[in-house]
Amino acid sequence: MVIVAGLVGSGFYGWARWQDERFASEREPWFDAYVDVTATPSYAFESLGSGGQRNVVLAFIVASRGNACTPAWGGVYGLDEAESNLDLDRRLARFRMLGGSAMVSFGGQANSDLALTCNSDSALAEGYGSVVDRYELGSIDMDVEGELLTDERAVQRQAAAIAEVQNGRKADGGLDVWLTLPVAPDGLTFEGLRTVRAYLAAGVDLAGVNAMTMNYNSGSAGLGATVRDSLSAVQGQLRALYQEVGASIGDATAWSRVSATVMIGQNDVRNEVFGLADAKDLARFAADRGMVRMSMWSLNRDRQCDANWPDPKRVSDSCSGVAQKTGEFAATLRAQRPGSIVQFAETTPRNPAGTLEDDPKTSPYPIWSSDASYPADSKVVWRRSVYEAKWWTQGDQPDQTTESGAQPWRLLGPVLPGEKPVERPRLPADAYAAWQKAAEYRRGDRVLFDGSGYEAKWWTQGDSPDAALVRPEESPWRSLTDEEVAAVIAGGKDGKGGKGAEG
């Protein structure tokens, strides 16, 4: 009887292990990378190229600084403002047309998450849901750190809101929810464990826990071993957390729900550096353990700092602080990870056959003309796509194929359904004095010429401002940007003047 029982038990555990490994292998491993949407300079995630990053996490959605329940990119750009100022919807549409897949990250270290500022539970869920709907997301990333991580009640409210959003999208293909948390060398912190418990208690079906394997402040300069140890600890903690709610998961399933986000290169802790050798070791470790997702902070930083960055030990938003080729960290970490972010709800916009004719009534920007000149940052429409001038140009067709780097136009993305011409702000007639040929103008002086505003780049007399539209490099004048015009309209005269500026 004992022998028979032993055989039966052995068969059961063998079957359970087979089921565990089968479930864990249902998703193809992928690598994604965070993009700081509001960082300067802007990162062109939509320009994939031949070897570009095809999975991105767009960061970060937080509460608007002007409205506690309104989501905003970096607290500054509302969803509509992100489209008008950053062309985000258009760039995301182009990214998906090229085969890319994206998720959006809520929270982060800076600014305040909606759960900290919005006191209405219904408005909180509506705020999160509006982002999912706007960008047609099948996956979201909840980055819980800083003030939010220590506020137990806010985390519980966030978890309940996300459960509501997730439940409401079951009929539309579902919504994957990743919970991103800071970790110590021995795994999730007390607050991190409490956050996972809150999400499970709220009924959120977690796709996994994404460990922020960075800034350990452990006194060890080499991060590779510390990262691996912390991930092993998280895997064990995850099994225990699911056991607590009566939903046991196997070893392989637990590993498939563990992700790591490394901070490439120089970390915020001065003596901690995650190098390319660490990236190679982690890629092997993740593959051996069956980790489905891997990530990094950030694509903006995946390049070597140039000579103008004085201290490589000081963290930069736009370079890694270590010797590398551009994009080398992403290329290393995504090796053998051909999968994409699960995006059931994503749509891929396509222009129907025969609709490449441009119509001014449905074009957000002027239609490109070979006779017109375009200063840098000008936007035009050509064959139902939007382009932005990288420098002054005239006669260069936006979709013309040229040698690499020689094309003066950057493709932002398609004209979106329902778009209408963007109304450009216009200066009031009394904003500045009209330009006068006999007047002297010094650097910073502003004038009106044919209804448009111009600013002097250096001392000038007798040089017509309209030359700035034809030969901008040689002209002593530059056109005011739409942002500058809007600022003048909002705040009245800005005080910039000189001879001719105020009469």
Protein backbone atom coordinates (compact mmCIF):
# COMPACT_ATOMS: atom_id res chain seq x y z
CA MET A 1 0.00 0.00 0.00
CA VAL A 2 2.80 2.40 0.82
CA ILE A 3 4.50 1.60 -2.46
CA VAL A 4 1.27 2.16 -4.39
CA ALA A 5 0.64 5.43 -2.59
CA GLY A 6 4.16 6.53 -3.36
CA LEU A 7 3.67 5.76 -7.03
CA VAL A 8 0.37 7.62 -7.10
CA GLY A 9 1.90 10.61 -5.34
CA SER A 10 4.84 10.61 -7.71
CA GLY A 11 2.49 10.54 -10.67
CA PHE A 12 0.41 13.42 -9.30
CA TYR A 13 3.38 15.67 -8.69
CA GLY A 14 4.81 14.81 -12.08
CA TRP A 15 1.53 15.76 -13.71
CA ALA A 16 1.31 18.96 -11.65
CA ARG A 17 4.83 19.93 -12.67
CA TRP A 18 3.99 19.27 -16.33
CA GLN A 19 0.89 21.46 -16.02
CA ASP A 20 2.93 24.18 -14.30
CA GLU A 21 5.59 24.23 -17.00
CA ARG A 22 2.96 24.13 -19.75
CA PHE A 23 1.13 27.15 -18.32
CA ALA A 24 4.37 29.06 -17.83
CA SER A 25 5.42 28.52 -21.45
CA GLU A 26 2.15 29.73 -23.01
CA ARG A 27 3.52 33.25 -23.51
CA GLU A 28 6.50 33.96 -25.74
CA PRO A 29 9.26 35.83 -23.87
CA TRP A 30 9.63 39.51 -24.74
CA PHE A 31 11.75 42.49 -23.82
CA ASP A 32 10.37 45.99 -23.47
CA ALA A 33 12.01 49.28 -22.53
CA TYR A 34 10.67 52.38 -20.84
CA VAL A 35 10.49 55.69 -22.70
CA ASP A 36 10.23 58.91 -20.72
CA VAL A 37 7.59 60.62 -22.86
CA THR A 38 8.10 64.14 -21.52
CA ALA A 39 11.91 64.10 -21.31
CA THR A 40 13.99 66.60 -23.27
CA PRO A 41 15.28 65.87 -25.84
CA SER A 42 12.28 63.88 -27.01
CA TYR A 43 12.93 60.22 -27.84
CA ALA A 44 11.55 59.12 -31.24
CA PHE A 45 10.30 55.68 -30.18
CA GLU A 46 8.12 55.55 -33.31
CA SER A 47 11.17 55.45 -35.62
CA LEU A 48 11.92 51.75 -35.43
CA GLY A 49 14.46 51.43 -38.22
CA SER A 50 15.85 48.01 -39.12
CA GLY A 51 16.87 46.97 -35.60
CA GLY A 52 14.74 49.20 -33.41
CA GLN A 53 13.01 48.42 -30.14
CA ARG A 54 9.56 46.98 -30.91
CA ASN A 55 8.17 46.84 -27.36
CA VAL A 56 7.99 50.03 -25.30
CA VAL A 57 6.53 51.20 -22.00
CA LEU A 58 5.45 54.83 -22.26
CA ALA A 59 5.98 56.62 -18.93
CA PHE A 60 4.52 58.17 -16.81
CA ILE A 61 0.83 58.97 -16.37
CA VAL A 62 0.19 60.81 -13.08
CA ALA A 63 -2.34 63.33 -11.77
CA SER A 64 -2.59 66.65 -13.54
CA ARG A 65 -1.16 69.50 -11.50
CA GLY A 66 -4.31 71.47 -12.21
CA ASN A 67 -6.95 68.76 -11.71
CA ALA A 68 -6.59 66.01 -9.09
CA CYS A 69 -8.65 63.41 -10.98
CA THR A 70 -7.35 64.11 -14.50
CA PRO A 71 -4.54 61.93 -15.89
CA ALA A 72 -1.58 63.75 -17.41
CA TRP A 73 1.81 62.84 -18.82
CA GLY A 74 4.37 63.93 -16.25
CA GLY A 75 1.66 66.00 -14.58
CA VAL A 76 1.97 68.55 -17.39
CA TYR A 77 0.32 67.27 -20.58
CA GLY A 78 -3.28 66.10 -20.46
CA LEU A 79 -4.18 63.43 -23.00
CA ASP A 80 -5.37 65.98 -25.56
CA GLU A 81 -2.39 68.24 -24.86
CA ALA A 82 -0.01 65.33 -25.37
CA GLU A 83 -1.42 64.91 -28.85
CA SER A 84 -1.32 68.59 -29.75
CA ASN A 85 2.11 69.29 -28.24
CA LEU A 86 3.89 65.93 -28.51
CA ASP A 87 1.94 64.26 -31.37
CA LEU A 88 1.76 61.24 -29.07
CA ASP A 89 -1.36 59.59 -30.54
CA ARG A 90 0.05 59.96 -34.05
CA ARG A 91 3.48 58.62 -33.10
CA LEU A 92 1.91 55.65 -31.31
CA ALA A 93 -0.22 54.91 -34.38
CA ARG A 94 2.89 54.90 -36.58
CA PHE A 95 4.73 52.69 -34.08
CA ARG A 96 1.95 50.12 -34.24
CA MET A 97 1.76 50.32 -38.03
CA LEU A 98 5.42 49.26 -38.08
CA GLY A 99 4.71 46.25 -35.86
CA GLY A 100 5.46 47.79 -32.47
CA SER A 101 3.59 47.10 -29.26
CA ALA A 102 3.23 49.42 -26.27
CA MET A 103 1.91 49.65 -22.77
CA VAL A 104 1.51 52.73 -20.57
CA SER A 105 2.98 53.12 -17.09
CA PHE A 106 1.12 54.90 -14.29
CA GLY A 107 2.96 56.40 -11.34
CA GLY A 108 6.73 56.54 -11.04
CA GLN A 109 9.00 58.26 -8.56
CA ALA A 110 8.20 61.88 -9.41
CA ASN A 111 4.84 63.69 -9.25
CA SER A 112 1.68 62.20 -7.70
CA ASP A 113 -0.33 59.22 -8.83
CA LEU A 114 -4.06 59.70 -9.30
CA ALA A 115 -4.71 57.53 -6.23
CA LEU A 116 -2.93 60.12 -4.05
CA THR A 117 -4.88 63.13 -5.28
CA CYS A 118 -8.31 62.00 -6.50
CA ASN A 119 -10.76 61.54 -3.62
CA SER A 120 -13.60 60.12 -5.71
CA ASP A 121 -13.45 56.35 -6.23
CA SER A 122 -15.55 56.52 -9.39
CA ALA A 123 -13.48 59.38 -10.84
CA LEU A 124 -10.30 57.48 -9.99
CA ALA A 125 -11.40 54.43 -11.97
CA GLU A 126 -12.61 56.69 -14.76
CA GLY A 127 -9.22 58.40 -14.88
CA TYR A 128 -7.29 55.16 -15.25
CA GLY A 129 -9.86 53.82 -17.71
CA SER A 130 -9.71 56.90 -19.91
CA VAL A 131 -6.02 56.23 -20.58
CA VAL A 132 -6.68 52.59 -21.44
CA ASP A 133 -9.45 53.64 -23.83
CA ARG A 134 -7.55 56.56 -25.38
CA TYR A 135 -4.53 54.46 -26.33
CA GLU A 136 -6.43 51.19 -26.90
CA LEU A 137 -4.26 49.31 -24.42
CA GLY A 138 -4.18 45.61 -23.71
CA SER A 139 -1.50 45.96 -21.00
CA ILE A 140 -0.73 48.53 -18.33
CA ASP A 141 2.13 48.98 -15.88
CA MET A 142 1.40 50.21 -12.34
CA ASP A 143 4.64 51.70 -10.99
CA VAL A 144 4.13 51.98 -7.22
CA GLU A 145 6.99 53.72 -5.43
CA GLY A 146 7.78 56.83 -3.42
CA GLU A 147 4.91 58.42 -1.50
CA LEU A 148 2.29 56.09 -2.96
CA LEU A 149 4.13 52.96 -1.80
CA THR A 150 3.91 54.07 1.84
CA ASP A 151 0.24 55.13 1.69
CA GLU A 152 -1.66 51.91 2.37
CA ARG A 153 -5.11 53.42 1.87
CA ALA A 154 -4.16 55.01 -1.46
CA VAL A 155 -2.77 51.69 -2.71
CA GLN A 156 -5.99 49.92 -1.72
CA ARG A 157 -8.06 52.52 -3.60
CA GLN A 158 -5.79 52.20 -6.63
CA ALA A 159 -6.10 48.41 -6.59
CA ALA A 160 -9.90 48.60 -6.41
CA ALA A 161 -9.99 51.07 -9.30
CA ILE A 162 -7.72 48.91 -11.47
CA ALA A 163 -9.85 45.84 -10.69
CA GLU A 164 -12.89 47.77 -11.93
CA VAL A 165 -11.08 48.82 -15.10
CA GLN A 166 -9.84 45.28 -15.74
CA ASN A 167 -13.25 43.70 -15.16
CA GLY A 168 -14.85 46.16 -17.54
CA ARG A 169 -12.58 45.06 -20.38
CA LYS A 170 -12.96 41.30 -20.19
CA ALA A 171 -15.32 41.32 -23.17
CA ASP A 172 -12.84 43.36 -25.22
CA GLY A 173 -9.93 40.94 -25.01
CA GLY A 174 -8.86 41.62 -21.44
CA LEU A 175 -6.28 43.82 -19.78
CA ASP A 176 -2.90 42.63 -18.51
CA VAL A 177 -1.81 44.40 -15.32
CA TRP A 178 1.85 44.45 -14.32
CA LEU A 179 2.75 45.66 -10.84
CA THR A 180 6.15 47.39 -10.76
CA LEU A 181 7.77 47.62 -7.33
CA PRO A 182 11.16 48.48 -5.81
CA VAL A 183 13.16 45.60 -4.36
CA ALA A 184 15.95 45.09 -1.85
CA PRO A 185 18.68 42.42 -2.17
CA ASP A 186 16.34 40.05 -0.29
CA GLY A 187 13.31 40.77 -2.46
CA LEU A 188 10.17 42.84 -2.06
CA THR A 189 10.06 45.22 0.88
CA PHE A 190 7.32 45.20 3.52
CA GLU A 191 5.45 47.90 1.58
CA GLY A 192 5.93 45.99 -1.66
CA LEU A 193 4.47 42.81 -0.19
CA ARG A 194 1.56 44.82 1.19
CA THR A 195 0.91 46.27 -2.27
CA VAL A 196 0.77 42.84 -3.93
CA ARG A 197 -1.62 41.67 -1.21
CA ALA A 198 -3.84 44.70 -1.81
CA TYR A 199 -4.04 43.97 -5.54
CA LEU A 200 -4.82 40.29 -5.01
CA ALA A 201 -7.42 41.15 -2.35
CA ALA A 202 -9.09 43.58 -4.76
CA GLY A 203 -9.43 40.81 -7.33
CA VAL A 204 -6.88 42.10 -9.83
CA ASP A 205 -5.60 39.33 -12.11
CA LEU A 206 -1.90 40.19 -12.13
CA ALA A 207 0.13 39.39 -15.22
CA GLY A 208 3.17 39.59 -12.97
CA VAL A 209 5.37 41.58 -10.63
CA ASN A 210 8.07 43.69 -12.24
CA ALA A 211 11.00 44.20 -9.86
CA MET A 212 12.90 47.49 -10.07
CA THR A 213 16.34 45.94 -9.77
CA MET A 214 18.28 49.14 -9.19
CA ASN A 215 19.61 51.51 -6.54
CA TYR A 216 20.07 48.84 -3.87
CA ASN A 217 22.47 50.97 -1.81
CA SER A 218 23.99 47.69 -0.66
CA GLY A 219 27.60 48.82 -0.72
CA SER A 220 28.41 46.52 -3.65
CA ALA A 221 29.63 48.10 -6.88
CA GLY A 222 28.79 45.04 -9.00
CA LEU A 223 25.04 44.74 -9.47
CA GLY A 224 24.83 41.47 -11.39
CA ALA A 225 24.77 39.04 -8.45
CA THR A 226 22.57 41.35 -6.36
CA VAL A 227 20.00 41.56 -9.15
CA ARG A 228 19.86 37.78 -9.55
CA ASP A 229 19.55 37.19 -5.80
CA SER A 230 16.72 39.70 -5.45
CA LEU A 231 14.80 38.14 -8.36
CA SER A 232 15.11 34.68 -6.82
CA ALA A 233 13.73 36.12 -3.58
CA VAL A 234 10.80 37.77 -5.41
CA GLN A 235 9.93 34.47 -7.09
CA GLY A 236 9.69 32.74 -3.70
CA GLN A 237 7.66 35.61 -2.25
CA LEU A 238 5.24 35.50 -5.17
CA ARG A 239 4.54 31.81 -4.61
CA ALA A 240 3.88 32.50 -0.93
CA LEU A 241 1.59 35.45 -1.69
CA TYR A 242 -0.57 33.37 -4.02
CA GLN A 243 -0.62 30.57 -1.45
CA GLU A 244 -2.05 33.07 1.06
CA VAL A 245 -5.12 33.64 -1.14
CA GLY A 246 -5.58 29.95 -1.89
CA ALA A 247 -4.27 30.11 -5.45
CA SER A 248 -1.11 28.05 -5.44
CA ILE A 249 1.23 28.45 -8.40
CA GLY A 250 4.13 26.24 -9.37
CA ASP A 251 7.79 27.10 -9.60
CA ALA A 252 7.75 27.66 -13.38
CA THR A 253 4.55 29.71 -13.29
CA ALA A 254 5.97 31.93 -10.57
CA TRP A 255 9.12 32.60 -12.62
CA SER A 256 6.98 33.47 -15.64
CA ARG A 257 5.29 36.16 -13.52
CA VAL A 258 8.54 37.73 -12.35
CA SER A 259 10.02 40.54 -14.43
CA ALA A 260 13.06 42.74 -13.93
CA THR A 261 13.61 46.36 -14.87
CA VAL A 262 17.26 47.32 -14.66
CA MET A 263 18.63 50.85 -14.64
CA ILE A 264 21.25 50.64 -17.35
CA GLY A 265 24.66 52.12 -16.72
CA GLN A 266 25.09 54.51 -13.82
CA ASN A 267 22.47 54.12 -11.10
CA ASP A 268 21.33 56.89 -8.75
CA VAL A 269 23.50 55.31 -6.06
CA ARG A 270 26.91 56.61 -7.07
CA ASN A 271 28.90 53.39 -6.63
CA GLU A 272 26.35 51.17 -8.41
CA VAL A 273 26.75 50.58 -12.15
CA PHE A 274 24.89 48.05 -14.29
CA GLY A 275 27.21 47.30 -17.20
CA LEU A 276 26.93 45.42 -20.47
CA ALA A 277 28.47 42.30 -18.93
CA ASP A 278 25.74 42.41 -16.26
CA ALA A 279 23.14 42.69 -19.01
CA LYS A 280 24.47 39.57 -20.76
CA ASP A 281 24.48 37.59 -17.51
CA LEU A 282 20.95 38.70 -16.63
CA ALA A 283 19.67 37.80 -20.11
CA ARG A 284 20.98 34.25 -19.64
CA PHE A 285 19.59 34.05 -16.10
CA ALA A 286 16.13 35.20 -17.21
CA ALA A 287 16.07 32.71 -20.09
CA ASP A 288 17.14 29.83 -17.84
CA ARG A 289 14.44 30.66 -15.27
CA GLY A 290 11.68 31.19 -17.82
CA MET A 291 11.02 34.87 -17.10
CA VAL A 292 8.52 36.02 -19.73
CA ARG A 293 9.14 39.75 -19.44
CA MET A 294 12.35 41.78 -19.17
CA SER A 295 12.67 45.56 -19.19
CA MET A 296 15.05 48.47 -18.66
CA TRP A 297 15.14 52.13 -17.74
CA SER A 298 15.35 53.60 -20.30
CA LEU A 299 15.56 53.91 -24.09
CA ASN A 300 16.29 57.61 -23.61
CA ARG A 301 19.50 56.62 -21.76
CA ASP A 302 20.70 53.81 -24.06
CA ARG A 303 23.65 55.73 -25.48
CA GLN A 304 27.08 56.83 -24.38
CA CYS A 305 27.40 60.28 -22.82
CA ASP A 306 29.34 62.72 -24.97
CA ALA A 307 32.25 64.87 -23.92
CA ASN A 308 29.96 67.69 -22.76
CA TRP A 309 28.64 65.57 -19.87
CA PRO A 310 31.19 66.43 -17.17
CA ASP A 311 30.64 63.67 -14.59
CA PRO A 312 29.70 60.15 -15.77
CA LYS A 313 28.90 59.25 -12.15
CA ARG A 314 26.08 61.79 -12.19
CA VAL A 315 22.93 60.24 -13.65
CA SER A 316 21.71 61.66 -16.95
CA ASP A 317 18.22 61.28 -18.43
CA SER A 318 19.70 60.96 -21.92
CA CYS A 319 22.82 58.77 -21.59
CA SER A 320 24.03 55.81 -19.55
CA GLY A 321 27.33 57.00 -18.13
CA VAL A 322 29.24 53.94 -19.44
CA ALA A 323 31.09 53.15 -22.65
CA GLN A 324 28.65 51.62 -25.14
CA LYS A 325 27.22 51.73 -28.63
CA THR A 326 23.87 53.44 -29.09
CA GLY A 327 21.10 50.93 -28.33
CA GLU A 328 23.54 48.27 -27.09
CA PHE A 329 21.81 47.57 -23.77
CA ALA A 330 18.43 47.02 -25.46
CA ALA A 331 20.00 44.79 -28.12
CA THR A 332 21.73 42.71 -25.43
CA LEU A 333 18.69 42.26 -23.21
CA ARG A 334 16.23 41.46 -26.02
CA ALA A 335 18.39 38.71 -27.55
CA GLN A 336 16.38 35.46 -27.78
CA ARG A 337 13.20 37.32 -26.79
CA PRO A 338 11.15 37.51 -30.00
CA GLY A 339 7.76 38.02 -28.36
CA SER A 340 5.67 41.16 -28.06
CA ILE A 341 3.65 42.71 -25.26
CA VAL A 342 0.23 41.09 -25.18
CA GLN A 343 -1.98 43.75 -26.75
CA PHE A 344 -5.38 42.22 -27.49
CA ALA A 345 -7.04 45.63 -27.66
CA GLU A 346 -4.53 47.28 -29.96
CA THR A 347 -5.61 48.32 -33.40
CA THR A 348 -3.32 48.90 -36.34
CA PRO A 349 -4.47 51.92 -38.35
CA ARG A 350 -4.16 51.61 -42.09
CA ASN A 351 -4.94 54.00 -44.89
CA PRO A 352 -7.62 52.43 -47.09
CA ALA A 353 -6.59 51.91 -50.69
CA GLY A 354 -6.96 55.02 -52.79
CA THR A 355 -7.16 57.53 -49.91
CA LEU A 356 -3.70 59.14 -50.15
CA GLU A 357 -5.08 62.39 -51.56
CA ASP A 358 -4.72 65.20 -49.04
CA ASP A 359 -7.73 67.30 -48.06
CA PRO A 360 -7.14 70.59 -46.19
CA LYS A 361 -10.44 70.10 -44.35
CA THR A 362 -9.22 66.86 -42.72
CA SER A 363 -5.53 67.74 -42.37
CA PRO A 364 -4.25 69.00 -39.00
CA TYR A 365 -1.41 70.97 -40.62
CA PRO A 366 -0.86 72.71 -43.99
CA ILE A 367 -0.36 70.44 -46.97
CA TRP A 368 3.25 70.47 -48.13
CA SER A 369 4.04 72.67 -51.14
CA SER A 370 7.21 72.63 -53.19
CA ASP A 371 7.06 76.44 -53.45
CA ALA A 372 6.90 77.12 -49.71
CA SER A 373 9.83 77.30 -47.31
CA TYR A 374 9.66 75.63 -43.91
CA PRO A 375 11.72 76.58 -40.83
CA ALA A 376 12.82 73.90 -38.37
CA ASP A 377 9.95 72.30 -36.39
CA SER A 378 7.35 73.19 -39.06
CA LYS A 379 4.70 70.49 -39.49
CA VAL A 380 3.03 69.57 -42.77
CA VAL A 381 0.77 66.89 -44.21
CA TRP A 382 1.79 64.90 -47.26
CA ARG A 383 -0.06 61.85 -48.60
CA ARG A 384 -2.04 61.49 -45.36
CA SER A 385 1.05 61.47 -43.13
CA VAL A 386 2.39 64.20 -40.85
CA TYR A 387 6.01 65.32 -41.10
CA GLU A 388 8.14 67.70 -39.02
CA ALA A 389 11.04 69.71 -40.46
CA LYS A 390 14.38 68.92 -38.83
CA TRP A 391 15.91 72.10 -40.27
CA TRP A 392 14.97 74.81 -42.78
CA THR A 393 13.91 73.28 -46.06
CA GLN A 394 12.33 74.17 -49.40
CA GLY A 395 11.45 71.88 -52.29
CA ASP A 396 12.35 68.64 -50.46
CA GLN A 397 9.42 66.24 -50.76
CA PRO A 398 8.75 64.76 -47.30
CA ASP A 399 8.48 61.13 -48.42
CA GLN A 400 11.42 61.30 -50.82
CA THR A 401 14.05 58.62 -50.21
CA THR A 402 17.50 60.12 -49.65
CA GLU A 403 20.80 59.09 -48.13
CA SER A 404 20.62 58.35 -44.42
CA GLY A 405 20.52 61.55 -42.37
CA ALA A 406 20.05 63.81 -45.40
CA GLN A 407 16.24 63.88 -45.34
CA PRO A 408 15.13 67.18 -43.74
CA TRP A 409 11.77 65.72 -42.71
CA ARG A 410 10.91 63.43 -39.79
CA LEU A 411 7.83 61.24 -40.23
CA LEU A 412 5.63 61.53 -37.12
CA GLY A 413 2.75 59.29 -38.16
CA PRO A 414 -0.54 59.12 -40.07
CA VAL A 415 -3.33 61.65 -40.19
CA LEU A 416 -5.78 60.27 -37.65
CA PRO A 417 -9.52 59.73 -38.23
CA GLY A 418 -11.62 62.80 -37.47
CA GLU A 419 -8.77 65.31 -37.50
CA LYS A 420 -9.33 68.90 -38.53
CA PRO A 421 -6.93 71.79 -39.16
CA VAL A 422 -5.09 72.89 -36.03
CA GLU A 423 -5.89 76.49 -35.23
CA ARG A 424 -2.56 78.28 -34.84
CA PRO A 425 -2.50 81.05 -32.23
CA ARG A 426 -2.30 84.56 -33.67
CA LEU A 427 -0.84 87.58 -31.95
CA PRO A 428 -3.19 90.50 -31.26
CA ALA A 429 -2.52 93.57 -33.39
CA ASP A 430 -1.16 95.51 -30.42
CA ALA A 431 1.14 92.78 -29.09
CA TYR A 432 4.25 94.48 -30.50
CA ALA A 433 5.02 97.51 -32.62
CA ALA A 434 5.23 97.06 -36.37
CA TRP A 435 8.68 96.61 -37.86
CA GLN A 436 10.22 99.82 -39.19
CA LYS A 437 13.02 99.82 -41.71
CA ALA A 438 14.81 102.82 -40.17
CA ALA A 439 14.67 101.54 -36.59
CA GLU A 440 17.51 99.79 -34.80
CA TYR A 441 16.80 96.47 -33.09
CA ARG A 442 18.89 94.60 -30.58
CA ARG A 443 18.92 90.95 -29.58
CA GLY A 444 15.60 89.97 -27.99
CA ASP A 445 13.55 92.80 -29.50
CA ARG A 446 10.21 91.66 -30.92
CA VAL A 447 8.13 93.14 -33.71
CA LEU A 448 5.07 92.45 -35.84
CA PHE A 449 5.44 92.02 -39.61
CA ASP A 450 2.47 91.09 -41.81
CA GLY A 451 0.60 89.94 -38.69
CA SER A 452 3.33 87.54 -37.51
CA GLY A 453 5.73 87.93 -34.60
CA TYR A 454 9.52 87.96 -34.95
CA GLU A 455 12.43 88.24 -32.52
CA ALA A 456 15.85 89.75 -33.29
CA LYS A 457 18.76 87.32 -32.94
CA TRP A 458 21.34 90.12 -32.96
CA TRP A 459 21.61 93.84 -33.72
CA THR A 460 19.93 94.73 -37.00
CA GLN A 461 18.69 97.68 -39.01
CA GLY A 462 16.89 97.60 -42.35
CA ASP A 463 16.70 93.78 -42.59
CA SER A 464 13.13 92.68 -43.31
CA PRO A 465 11.85 89.95 -40.95
CA ASP A 466 10.36 87.95 -43.84
CA ALA A 467 13.90 86.92 -44.78
CA ALA A 468 13.74 84.58 -41.79
CA LEU A 469 11.35 82.38 -43.76
CA VAL A 470 13.66 82.12 -46.76
CA ARG A 471 17.20 82.12 -45.36
CA PRO A 472 16.78 81.54 -41.60
CA GLU A 473 20.46 80.89 -40.91
CA GLU A 474 21.51 84.26 -42.33
CA SER A 475 18.55 86.36 -41.20
CA PRO A 476 18.88 88.43 -38.01
CA TRP A 477 15.24 87.55 -37.27
CA ARG A 478 13.47 84.37 -36.24
CA SER A 479 9.75 83.61 -36.23
CA LEU A 480 8.07 83.22 -32.86
CA THR A 481 6.96 79.65 -32.20
CA ASP A 482 3.33 78.73 -31.59
CA GLU A 483 4.22 78.11 -27.93
CA GLU A 484 5.71 81.60 -27.61
CA VAL A 485 2.69 83.17 -29.28
CA ALA A 486 0.35 81.26 -26.96
CA ALA A 487 2.36 82.45 -23.94
CA VAL A 488 2.07 86.07 -25.07
CA ILE A 489 -1.69 85.70 -25.59
CA ALA A 490 -2.13 84.07 -22.18
CA GLY A 491 -0.02 86.57 -20.26
CA GLY A 492 -0.27 89.72 -22.32
CA LYS A 493 2.84 91.52 -23.49
CA ASP A 494 5.89 89.77 -22.15
CA GLY A 495 7.97 92.90 -21.76
CA LYS A 496 10.39 92.01 -24.54
CA GLY A 497 10.90 95.07 -26.62
CA GLY A 498 13.33 97.71 -27.70
CA LYS A 499 13.32 100.30 -30.36
CA GLY A 500 10.28 99.61 -32.45
CA ALA A 501 8.88 96.97 -30.07
CA GLU A 502 6.83 99.48 -28.09
CA GLY A 503 6.84 102.32 -30.58
